C-alpha atoms as a PDB file:
ATOM      1  CA  MET A   1       9.243   0.449 -35.673  1.00  0.00           C
ATOM      2  CA  ILE A   2      11.984   3.078 -33.476  1.00  0.00           C
ATOM      3  CA  PRO A   3       9.030   5.542 -32.390  1.00  0.00           C
ATOM      4  CA  LEU A   4       6.951   2.530 -30.678  1.00  0.00           C
ATOM      5  CA  MET A   5       9.927   1.688 -28.671  1.00  0.00           C
ATOM      6  CA  ASN A   6      10.838   5.485 -28.074  1.00  0.00           C
ATOM      7  CA  PHE A   7       7.305   5.654 -26.928  1.00  0.00           C
ATOM      8  CA  ILE A   8       7.866   1.950 -24.571  1.00  0.00           C
ATOM      9  CA  VAL A   9      10.912   3.653 -23.317  1.00  0.00           C
ATOM     10  CA  MET A  10       9.056   6.927 -22.021  1.00  0.00           C
ATOM     11  CA  ILE A  11       6.499   4.864 -20.631  1.00  0.00           C
ATOM     12  CA  ILE A  12       8.912   2.840 -18.666  1.00  0.00           C
ATOM     13  CA  THR A  13      10.759   6.124 -17.402  1.00  0.00           C
ATOM     14  CA  PHE A  14       7.141   7.324 -16.214  1.00  0.00           C
ATOM     15  CA  TYR A  15       6.199   4.567 -14.090  1.00  0.00           C
ATOM     16  CA  ILE A  16       9.994   4.692 -12.742  1.00  0.00           C
ATOM     17  CA  TRP A  17       9.008   8.538 -11.665  1.00  0.00           C
ATOM     18  CA  ILE A  18       5.927   6.814 -10.159  1.00  0.00           C
ATOM     19  CA  LEU A  19       7.817   4.326  -8.325  1.00  0.00           C
ATOM     20  CA  VAL A  20       9.851   7.029  -6.572  1.00  0.00           C
ATOM     21  CA  ILE A  21       7.332   9.494  -5.955  1.00  0.00           C
ATOM     22  CA  SER A  22       5.558   6.190  -4.005  1.00  0.00           C
ATOM     23  CA  ALA A  23       8.139   5.420  -2.175  1.00  0.00           C
ATOM     24  CA  ILE A  24       9.028   9.115  -0.961  1.00  0.00           C
ATOM     25  CA  LEU A  25       5.509   9.455  -0.063  1.00  0.00           C
ATOM     26  CA  SER A  26       5.475   6.571   1.911  1.00  0.00           C
ATOM     27  CA  TRP A  27       7.988   7.401   3.803  1.00  0.00           C
ATOM     28  CA  LEU A  28       6.668  10.619   4.522  1.00  0.00           C
ATOM     29  CA  ILE A  29       3.919   8.436   6.166  1.00  0.00           C
ATOM     30  CA  ALA A  30       5.741   6.429   7.909  1.00  0.00           C
ATOM     31  CA  PHE A  31       7.761   9.034   9.665  1.00  0.00           C
ATOM     32  CA  ASP A  32       4.529  10.908  10.296  1.00  0.00           C
ATOM     33  CA  VAL A  33       5.516  13.678   8.237  1.00  0.00           C
ATOM     34  CA  VAL A  34       2.185  13.662   6.173  1.00  0.00           C
ATOM     35  CA  ASN A  35      -0.854  12.965   7.584  1.00  0.00           C
ATOM     36  CA  ARG A  36      -2.493  10.024   5.701  1.00  0.00           C
ATOM     37  CA  ARG A  37      -6.164  11.015   7.378  1.00  0.00           C
ATOM     38  CA  ASN A  38      -5.705  14.222   4.892  1.00  0.00           C
ATOM     39  CA  GLN A  39      -8.015  13.148   2.270  1.00  0.00           C
ATOM     40  CA  VAL A  40      -5.832  14.694  -0.786  1.00  0.00           C
ATOM     41  CA  VAL A  41      -2.946  12.843   1.025  1.00  0.00           C
ATOM     42  CA  HIS A  42      -5.488   9.605   1.145  1.00  0.00           C
ATOM     43  CA  LEU A  43      -5.850  10.137  -2.322  1.00  0.00           C
ATOM     44  CA  ILE A  44      -2.712  10.638  -3.617  1.00  0.00           C
ATOM     45  CA  SER A  45      -1.567   7.480  -1.602  1.00  0.00           C
ATOM     46  CA  ASP A  46      -3.903   5.268  -2.917  1.00  0.00           C
ATOM     47  CA  SER A  47      -3.331   6.402  -6.563  1.00  0.00           C
ATOM     48  CA  LEU A  48       0.183   5.572  -6.010  1.00  0.00           C
ATOM     49  CA  GLN A  49      -0.469   2.042  -4.210  1.00  0.00           C
ATOM     50  CA  ARG A  50      -2.447   1.172  -6.737  1.00  0.00           C
ATOM     51  CA  LEU A  51      -0.402   1.939  -9.828  1.00  0.00           C
ATOM     52  CA  THR A  52       2.799   0.103  -7.999  1.00  0.00           C
ATOM     53  CA  GLU A  53       1.402  -3.079  -5.958  1.00  0.00           C
ATOM     54  CA  PRO A  54       0.133  -5.209  -9.170  1.00  0.00           C
ATOM     55  CA  ALA A  55       4.362  -4.651 -10.399  1.00  0.00           C
ATOM     56  CA  LEU A  56       5.537  -4.874  -6.601  1.00  0.00           C
ATOM     57  CA  ARG A  57       3.259  -7.983  -5.102  1.00  0.00           C
ATOM     58  CA  PRO A  58       5.135 -10.542  -7.680  1.00  0.00           C
ATOM     59  CA  ILE A  59       8.840  -9.325  -6.685  1.00  0.00           C
ATOM     60  CA  ARG A  60       7.706  -9.182  -2.816  1.00  0.00           C
ATOM     61  CA  ASN A  61       6.444 -12.831  -3.474  1.00  0.00           C
ATOM     62  CA  VAL A  62      10.019 -14.389  -4.300  1.00  0.00           C
ATOM     63  CA  LEU A  63      12.453 -12.068  -2.004  1.00  0.00           C
ATOM     64  CA  PRO A  64      12.922 -13.052   1.652  1.00  0.00           C
ATOM     65  CA  ASP A  65      11.248 -11.151   4.472  1.00  0.00           C
ATOM     66  CA  PHE A  66      13.620  -8.300   5.668  1.00  0.00           C
ATOM     67  CA  GLY A  67      11.092  -7.876   8.413  1.00  0.00           C
ATOM     68  CA  ALA A  68      10.119  -3.840   8.092  1.00  0.00           C
ATOM     69  CA  LEU A  69      12.624  -3.504   5.184  1.00  0.00           C
ATOM     70  CA  ASP A  70      10.766  -3.837   1.609  1.00  0.00           C
ATOM     71  CA  LEU A  71      13.397  -4.033  -0.728  1.00  0.00           C
ATOM     72  CA  SER A  72      10.734  -4.221  -3.731  1.00  0.00           C
ATOM     73  CA  PRO A  73      10.587  -1.119  -5.041  1.00  0.00           C
ATOM     74  CA  LEU A  74      14.426  -0.773  -5.391  1.00  0.00           C
ATOM     75  CA  VAL A  75      14.521  -4.378  -7.225  1.00  0.00           C
ATOM     76  CA  LEU A  76      11.755  -3.359  -9.535  1.00  0.00           C
ATOM     77  CA  PHE A  77      13.259   0.395 -10.777  1.00  0.00           C
ATOM     78  CA  PHE A  78      16.593  -1.455 -10.634  1.00  0.00           C
ATOM     79  CA  GLY A  79      14.708  -3.634 -13.577  1.00  0.00           C
ATOM     80  CA  LEU A  80      13.056  -1.630 -14.875  1.00  0.00           C
ATOM     81  CA  LEU A  81      16.156   1.139 -15.537  1.00  0.00           C
ATOM     82  CA  PHE A  82      18.002  -2.186 -16.891  1.00  0.00           C
ATOM     83  CA  VAL A  83      14.689  -2.734 -19.468  1.00  0.00           C
ATOM     84  CA  ARG A  84      15.231   1.067 -20.312  1.00  0.00           C
ATOM     85  CA  ASP A  85      19.138   1.258 -20.559  1.00  0.00           C
ATOM     86  CA  VAL A  86      20.061  -1.864 -22.073  1.00  0.00           C
ATOM     87  CA  ILE A  87      17.551  -3.748 -24.054  1.00  0.00           C
ATOM     88  CA  ILE A  88      15.729  -1.383 -25.470  1.00  0.00           C
ATOM     89  CA  ARG A  89      18.410   1.218 -25.989  1.00  0.00           C
ATOM     90  CA  GLY A  90      20.396  -0.834 -26.962  1.00  0.00           C
ATOM     91  CA  TRP A  91      18.317  -2.450 -29.172  1.00  0.00           C
ATOM     92  CA  ILE A  92      17.614   0.792 -30.912  1.00  0.00           C
ATOM     93  CA  CYS A  93      20.606   1.920 -31.807  1.00  0.00           C
ATOM     94  CA  THR A  94      21.633  -1.174 -32.829  1.00  0.00           C
ATOM     95  CA  GLY A  95      18.620  -0.792 -35.478  1.00  0.00           C
ATOM     96  CA  CYS A  96      20.137   2.550 -36.353  1.00  0.00           C
ATOM     97  CA  ASN A  97      23.424   1.380 -38.080  1.00  0.00           C
END
């Protein structure tokens, strides 16, 4: 059971990195550092959006509207960290004893 939990921790960590890269890329696009008309940037941006949007949409529906400020990636980031570090790793360490 512990290898399965370690695999889940690895998947959550990978998704956290996808979320961080997606947020940074959206800032770079918003500040016009990179151009979305570039085919590679568009492909990467679209792929990251397709990976993160299903998890962010329910959070956006619950959070109040802050205008241009989107806090849903931050909420998801801290939620994933909580699940990974507190719940799963706590369960793994409890199961070791």
